C-alpha atoms as a PDB file:
ATOM      1  CA  UNK A   1     253.716  40.255 128.927  1.00  0.00           C
ATOM      2  CA  UNK A   2     257.023  40.794 127.187  1.00  0.00           C
ATOM      3  CA  UNK A   3     259.436  40.592 130.114  1.00  0.00           C
ATOM      4  CA  UNK A   4     259.818  39.058 133.529  1.00  0.00           C
ATOM      5  CA  UNK A   5     260.345  41.546 136.349  1.00  0.00           C
ATOM      6  CA  UNK A   6     263.772  41.590 138.016  1.00  0.00           C
ATOM      7  CA  UNK A   7     262.041  40.711 141.290  1.00  0.00           C
ATOM      8  CA  UNK A   8     261.742  37.151 139.991  1.00  0.00           C
ATOM      9  CA  UNK A   9     265.233  36.632 141.397  1.00  0.00           C
ATOM     10  CA  UNK A  10     263.765  36.864 144.898  1.00  0.00           C
ATOM     11  CA  UNK A  11     261.843  33.598 144.384  1.00  0.00           C
ATOM     12  CA  UNK A  12     264.784  31.493 145.504  1.00  0.00           C
ATOM     13  CA  UNK A  13     262.586  28.523 146.498  1.00  0.00           C
ATOM     14  CA  UNK A  14     260.874  28.370 143.077  1.00  0.00           C
ATOM     15  CA  UNK A  15     261.293  24.889 141.577  1.00  0.00           C
ATOM     16  CA  UNK A  16     259.273  25.170 138.346  1.00  0.00           C
ATOM     17  CA  UNK A  17     258.838  28.102 135.988  1.00  0.00           C
ATOM     18  CA  UNK A  18     256.554  27.685 132.984  1.00  0.00           C
ATOM     19  CA  UNK A  19     256.041  30.801 130.932  1.00  0.00           C
ATOM     20  CA  UNK A  20     254.467  30.391 127.522  1.00  0.00           C
ATOM     21  CA  UNK A  21     250.738  30.964 127.772  1.00  0.00           C
ATOM     22  CA  UNK A  22     248.382  33.072 129.859  1.00  0.00           C
ATOM     23  CA  UNK A  23     244.637  33.050 130.269  1.00  0.00           C
ATOM     24  CA  UNK A  24     243.080  36.398 129.392  1.00  0.00           C
ATOM     25  CA  UNK A  25     239.327  36.907 129.350  1.00  0.00           C
ATOM     26  CA  UNK A  26     238.753  33.188 128.903  1.00  0.00           C
ATOM     27  CA  UNK A  27     241.227  32.794 126.026  1.00  0.00           C
ATOM     28  CA  UNK A  28     244.739  31.361 125.942  1.00  0.00           C
ATOM     29  CA  UNK A  29     247.240  33.912 124.702  1.00  0.00           C
ATOM     30  CA  UNK A  30     250.889  33.201 123.918  1.00  0.00           C
ATOM     31  CA  UNK A  31     253.385  35.273 125.895  1.00  0.00           C
ATOM     32  CA  UNK A  32     256.097  37.151 124.033  1.00  0.00           C
ATOM     33  CA  UNK A  33     259.251  37.036 126.135  1.00  0.00           C
ATOM     34  CA  UNK A  34     262.260  38.172 124.143  1.00  0.00           C
ATOM     35  CA  UNK A  35     264.832  38.155 126.952  1.00  0.00           C
ATOM     36  CA  UNK A  36     265.315  37.004 130.522  1.00  0.00           C
ATOM     37  CA  UNK A  37     266.428  39.290 133.334  1.00  0.00           C
ATOM     38  CA  UNK A  38     269.909  38.554 134.709  1.00  0.00           C
ATOM     39  CA  UNK A  39     268.276  37.875 138.081  1.00  0.00           C
ATOM     40  CA  UNK A  40     267.015  34.553 136.688  1.00  0.00           C
ATOM     41  CA  UNK A  41     270.294  32.966 137.835  1.00  0.00           C
ATOM     42  CA  UNK A  42     269.295  33.619 141.458  1.00  0.00           C
ATOM     43  CA  UNK A  43     266.647  30.874 141.173  1.00  0.00           C
ATOM     44  CA  UNK A  44     268.925  28.317 142.792  1.00  0.00           C
ATOM     45  CA  UNK A  45     266.122  25.810 143.528  1.00  0.00           C
ATOM     46  CA  UNK A  46     264.854  25.813 139.942  1.00  0.00           C
ATOM     47  CA  UNK A  47     264.479  22.282 138.535  1.00  0.00           C
ATOM     48  CA  UNK A  48     262.307  22.942 135.471  1.00  0.00           C
ATOM     49  CA  UNK A  49     262.341  25.929 133.132  1.00  0.00           C
ATOM     50  CA  UNK A  50     259.812  25.882 130.277  1.00  0.00           C
ATOM     51  CA  UNK A  51     259.869  28.932 128.027  1.00  0.00           C
ATOM     52  CA  UNK A  52     258.318  27.288 124.980  1.00  0.00           C
ATOM     53  CA  UNK A  53     256.169  29.452 122.709  1.00  0.00           C
ATOM     54  CA  UNK A  54     258.215  32.570 123.503  1.00  0.00           C
ATOM     55  CA  UNK A  55     260.494  34.459 121.152  1.00  0.00           C
ATOM     56  CA  UNK A  56     263.768  34.642 123.037  1.00  0.00           C
ATOM     57  CA  UNK A  57     266.387  36.344 120.909  1.00  0.00           C
ATOM     58  CA  UNK A  58     269.381  35.629 123.146  1.00  0.00           C
ATOM     59  CA  UNK A  59     270.325  33.943 126.392  1.00  0.00           C
ATOM     60  CA  UNK A  60     272.860  35.290 128.834  1.00  0.00           C
ATOM     61  CA  UNK A  61     276.019  33.292 129.445  1.00  0.00           C
ATOM     62  CA  UNK A  62     274.976  33.423 133.112  1.00  0.00           C
ATOM     63  CA  UNK A  63     272.248  30.885 132.284  1.00  0.00           C
ATOM     64  CA  UNK A  64     274.960  28.246 132.595  1.00  0.00           C
ATOM     65  CA  UNK A  65     274.901  28.905 136.352  1.00  0.00           C
ATOM     66  CA  UNK A  66     271.391  27.481 136.719  1.00  0.00           C
ATOM     67  CA  UNK A  67     271.283  24.170 138.589  1.00  0.00           C
ATOM     68  CA  UNK A  68     269.589  22.056 135.896  1.00  0.00           C
END
């Protein structure tokens, strides 16, 4: 998966988001996120954001609005 859907912004009660690996056919595969949707700032309950092992090329200035 190379991007998070904009609908992620609807998960306003989400406290932890870890996105770096997925299990596919019994094997761990690294995800390849290169950007975050602007809706990520709507995750107002988010306490932990772990995007390790991705290849983000830029972060929006809006990321400063996240509560952590």
